[in-house]
C-alpha atoms as a PDB file:
ATOM      1  CA  UNK A   1     130.063  93.888  62.623  1.00  0.00           C
ATOM      2  CA  UNK A   2     126.597  93.267  61.275  1.00  0.00           C
ATOM      3  CA  UNK A   3     123.206  95.048  61.728  1.00  0.00           C
ATOM      4  CA  UNK A   4     122.465  93.128  64.956  1.00  0.00           C
ATOM      5  CA  UNK A   5     125.797  94.221  66.519  1.00  0.00           C
ATOM      6  CA  UNK A   6     125.029  97.880  65.642  1.00  0.00           C
ATOM      7  CA  UNK A   7     121.519  97.552  67.166  1.00  0.00           C
ATOM      8  CA  UNK A   8     122.815  95.981  70.424  1.00  0.00           C
ATOM      9  CA  UNK A   9     125.454  98.653  70.717  1.00  0.00           C
ATOM     10  CA  UNK A  10     122.858 101.349  70.112  1.00  0.00           C
ATOM     11  CA  UNK A  11     120.429  99.894  72.611  1.00  0.00           C
ATOM     12  CA  UNK A  12     123.227  99.607  75.180  1.00  0.00           C
ATOM     13  CA  UNK A  13     124.301 103.223  74.810  1.00  0.00           C
ATOM     14  CA  UNK A  14     120.635 104.395  74.799  1.00  0.00           C
ATOM     15  CA  UNK A  15     119.922 102.528  78.079  1.00  0.00           C
ATOM     16  CA  UNK A  16     123.069 103.826  79.707  1.00  0.00           C
ATOM     17  CA  UNK A  17     122.082 107.433  78.582  1.00  0.00           C
ATOM     18  CA  UNK A  18     118.383 107.023  79.736  1.00  0.00           C
ATOM     19  CA  UNK A  19     119.589 105.623  83.171  1.00  0.00           C
ATOM     20  CA  UNK A  20     122.043 108.558  83.482  1.00  0.00           C
ATOM     21  CA  UNK A  21     119.410 111.124  82.495  1.00  0.00           C
ATOM     22  CA  UNK A  22     116.909 109.763  85.014  1.00  0.00           C
ATOM     23  CA  UNK A  23     119.298 109.354  87.943  1.00  0.00           C
ATOM     24  CA  UNK A  24     121.809 112.278  87.745  1.00  0.00           C
ATOM     25  CA  UNK A  25     121.268 115.454  89.670  1.00  0.00           C
ATOM     26  CA  UNK A  26     123.999 117.474  87.989  1.00  0.00           C
ATOM     27  CA  UNK A  27     122.827 119.229  84.868  1.00  0.00           C
ATOM     28  CA  UNK A  28     126.131 118.698  83.108  1.00  0.00           C
ATOM     29  CA  UNK A  29     125.908 114.906  83.659  1.00  0.00           C
ATOM     30  CA  UNK A  30     122.329 115.020  82.460  1.00  0.00           C
ATOM     31  CA  UNK A  31     123.485 116.750  79.182  1.00  0.00           C
ATOM     32  CA  UNK A  32     126.118 114.074  78.703  1.00  0.00           C
ATOM     33  CA  UNK A  33     123.610 111.399  79.173  1.00  0.00           C
ATOM     34  CA  UNK A  34     121.397 113.094  76.696  1.00  0.00           C
ATOM     35  CA  UNK A  35     124.337 113.169  74.248  1.00  0.00           C
ATOM     36  CA  UNK A  36     124.800 109.414  74.653  1.00  0.00           C
ATOM     37  CA  UNK A  37     121.149 108.890  73.760  1.00  0.00           C
ATOM     38  CA  UNK A  38     121.571 111.066  70.622  1.00  0.00           C
ATOM     39  CA  UNK A  39     124.657 109.110  69.579  1.00  0.00           C
ATOM     40  CA  UNK A  40     122.849 105.777  69.996  1.00  0.00           C
ATOM     41  CA  UNK A  41     120.231 107.032  67.556  1.00  0.00           C
ATOM     42  CA  UNK A  42     122.879 108.104  65.070  1.00  0.00           C
ATOM     43  CA  UNK A  43     124.486 104.692  65.338  1.00  0.00           C
ATOM     44  CA  UNK A  44     121.085 103.326  64.334  1.00  0.00           C
ATOM     45  CA  UNK A  45     121.073 105.589  61.179  1.00  0.00           C
ATOM     46  CA  UNK A  46     124.571 104.453  60.134  1.00  0.00           C
ATOM     47  CA  UNK A  47     123.765 100.827  60.836  1.00  0.00           C
ATOM     48  CA  UNK A  48     120.539 100.786  58.796  1.00  0.00           C
ATOM     49  CA  UNK A  49     122.094 102.799  55.972  1.00  0.00           C
ATOM     50  CA  UNK A  50     125.047 100.316  55.848  1.00  0.00           C
ATOM     51  CA  UNK A  51     123.199  97.061  56.413  1.00  0.00           C
ATOM     52  CA  UNK A  52     119.585  97.894  55.952  1.00  0.00           C
ATOM     53  CA  UNK A  53     118.588  97.174  52.442  1.00  0.00           C
ATOM     54  CA  UNK A  54     119.554  95.080  49.440  1.00  0.00           C
ATOM     55  CA  UNK A  55     122.580  96.072  47.468  1.00  0.00           C
ATOM     56  CA  UNK A  56     120.997  96.736  44.040  1.00  0.00           C
ATOM     57  CA  UNK A  57     117.444  97.344  42.871  1.00  0.00           C
ATOM     58  CA  UNK A  58     115.367  94.412  43.941  1.00  0.00           C
ATOM     59  CA  UNK A  59     112.216  96.482  43.940  1.00  0.00           C
ATOM     60  CA  UNK A  60     112.109  97.503  47.656  1.00  0.00           C
ATOM     61  CA  UNK A  61     110.545 100.881  48.334  1.00  0.00           C
ATOM     62  CA  UNK A  62     112.588 101.485  51.542  1.00  0.00           C
ATOM     63  CA  UNK A  63     116.019 101.069  50.146  1.00  0.00           C
ATOM     64  CA  UNK A  64     118.213 104.208  50.335  1.00  0.00           C
ATOM     65  CA  UNK A  65     121.712 104.990  49.225  1.00  0.00           C
ATOM     66  CA  UNK A  66     124.377 103.554  51.453  1.00  0.00           C
ATOM     67  CA  UNK A  67     125.765 107.050  52.041  1.00  0.00           C
ATOM     68  CA  UNK A  68     122.559 108.763  52.760  1.00  0.00           C
ATOM     69  CA  UNK A  69     122.475 107.696  56.424  1.00  0.00           C
ATOM     70  CA  UNK A  70     126.076 108.607  56.964  1.00  0.00           C
ATOM     71  CA  UNK A  71     125.502 112.026  55.435  1.00  0.00           C
ATOM     72  CA  UNK A  72     122.479 112.546  57.683  1.00  0.00           C
ATOM     73  CA  UNK A  73     124.623 111.669  60.646  1.00  0.00           C
ATOM     74  CA  UNK A  74     127.250 114.215  59.713  1.00  0.00           C
ATOM     75  CA  UNK A  75     124.516 116.937  59.633  1.00  0.00           C
ATOM     76  CA  UNK A  76     123.037 115.718  62.876  1.00  0.00           C
ATOM     77  CA  UNK A  77     126.400 115.681  64.645  1.00  0.00           C
ATOM     78  CA  UNK A  78     126.980 119.411  63.498  1.00  0.00           C
ATOM     79  CA  UNK A  79     123.482 120.437  64.784  1.00  0.00           C
ATOM     80  CA  UNK A  80     124.030 118.469  68.065  1.00  0.00           C
ATOM     81  CA  UNK A  81     127.359 120.197  68.636  1.00  0.00           C
ATOM     82  CA  UNK A  82     125.650 123.601  68.157  1.00  0.00           C
ATOM     83  CA  UNK A  83     122.807 122.561  70.403  1.00  0.00           C
ATOM     84  CA  UNK A  84     125.204 121.469  73.225  1.00  0.00           C
ATOM     85  CA  UNK A  85     127.116 124.692  72.940  1.00  0.00           C
ATOM     86  CA  UNK A  86     123.915 126.599  73.418  1.00  0.00           C
ATOM     87  CA  UNK A  87     122.832 124.311  76.280  1.00  0.00           C
ATOM     88  CA  UNK A  88     126.249 124.874  77.983  1.00  0.00           C
ATOM     89  CA  UNK A  89     125.873 128.623  77.573  1.00  0.00           C
ATOM     90  CA  UNK A  90     122.499 128.275  79.372  1.00  0.00           C
ATOM     91  CA  UNK A  91     124.018 126.151  82.113  1.00  0.00           C
ATOM     92  CA  UNK A  92     126.679 128.756  82.673  1.00  0.00           C
ATOM     93  CA  UNK A  93     124.158 131.571  82.900  1.00  0.00           C
ATOM     94  CA  UNK A  94     122.063 129.486  85.383  1.00  0.00           C
ATOM     95  CA  UNK A  95     125.195 128.755  87.487  1.00  0.00           C
ATOM     96  CA  UNK A  96     126.106 132.407  87.591  1.00  0.00           C
ATOM     97  CA  UNK A  97     122.577 133.316  88.753  1.00  0.00           C
ATOM     98  CA  UNK A  98     121.825 130.410  91.167  1.00  0.00           C
ATOM     99  CA  UNK A  99     125.373 129.127  92.194  1.00  0.00           C
ATOM    100  CA  UNK A 100     124.140 125.590  91.695  1.00  0.00           C
ATOM    101  CA  UNK A 101     123.937 122.938  89.025  1.00  0.00           C
ATOM    102  CA  UNK A 102     121.467 120.683  90.888  1.00  0.00           C
ATOM    103  CA  UNK A 103     118.546 119.974  88.725  1.00  0.00           C
ATOM    104  CA  UNK A 104     116.150 119.700  91.678  1.00  0.00           C
ATOM    105  CA  UNK A 105     116.907 123.245  92.652  1.00  0.00           C
ATOM    106  CA  UNK A 106     116.269 124.538  89.183  1.00  0.00           C
ATOM    107  CA  UNK A 107     112.547 123.539  89.213  1.00  0.00           C
ATOM    108  CA  UNK A 108     111.317 127.178  88.927  1.00  0.00           C
ATOM    109  CA  UNK A 109     112.502 129.614  86.409  1.00  0.00           C
ATOM    110  CA  UNK A 110     111.016 132.799  87.939  1.00  0.00           C
ATOM    111  CA  UNK A 111     113.325 135.371  89.488  1.00  0.00           C
END
């Protein structure tokens, strides 16, 4: 797989996630779509760190170490996992209070 393959995969995942986020009424499905969009961005990081620059110092300022993108992705996955755990806790609290997971019914947050 080359850089173009990574970019095509990333664009496809991002488009599926954006479509799901805009069309789903269930908050859990919307969170899963949001997770797809984040994963598409992380695929871009890995692709550009792997295929993005020249192999050894040809004087380009934007070249980074081939492991830097992968390391950033590992930190981002850990942060995203914690973020989704917090989002799921909020969803559970909303469900206990409102007895619904429909996004259109959750338009107001006042009691």
